[in-house]
Amino acid sequence: MPTCYIIDDEPIAIDIIRRYLERLSDFEVKGTFEEPLEAFQALKRAPVDLIFLDIQMPGLSGLEMLKALARKPAVILTTAHREYALEGFELDVVDYLLKPIEFQRFLKAIDKFLERLPPAPVSAAAKPAVEPGILVRANRKSVRVRLSDVLYIEGLKDYVKIILPEGNLLTKELIGDIEQRLPPEQFFRIHRSFIVPRDKIDAFTAVDVEIGKFEIPIGRTYKEAFLKWIEKQG
């Protein structure tokens, strides 16, 4: 289970991130810090896998702290100001969250962090690797959806329906946000309201895609790009 610190001189900002993490089951918050110098010493004594780091803090800014650390953990920067984004990414941070932080945007940053984790060492029992997936909010909890289970995804105004073999999930998220969190070599948006996985396509015509018993329409403005994508992916 990844460990993390939350570092921010605003208690409300710390509380928001902590509550977001409590909605997930994959993280252990080892500490929270309002004083940047105290956090700096803690990071030297007891490193963690990930820190949520505010940029503007009295005494020592988040960027100054990051530059001074000999052993740098993964970092998700948090700030109310866009102008620090470039410098943050030059320091190889995982992501850059603008306050106020929305939960769906927070999940996207978490996905990026999880993608960076090295594969778990193979034990003598040769445990199977964890399949790639995304976290979505459904039925009042955070649900991890395995990408290999997705039949297709449908956008419904302010909601997205994820079609799975064992049933459907409905999450309050825009289809464009979901699209950005999916690997482009595996998933393609064929219509303003539909995303399909390449390995589930049984057949397709100029107007629709067949996945099992489902026929999903191809939007006219998406058709040319879809055909090029199919040809490229093979």
Foldseek 3Di string as FASTA:
>chain_A
DFEEEEEALDPVQVVVVVVLVVLDDPYHYPYYYNDVVVVLVCCVVPNTQEYEAEADHPPAGRLRSQVPDPDHHAYEYEYQDPPCQVVVVVSVHQYYAHPPGDSLVVQLSVLSSVVPDDWDDQDPVRDDTDADWGWFQFPNGIDTDHPVQFAKWFADPQWIWTDGPVGITIGRHGPVSVVVSDDPLFWDAQDNTMIGGLVQFPDDDQFWTDGPPDTGGGDPVRRVVVVVSNVVSD
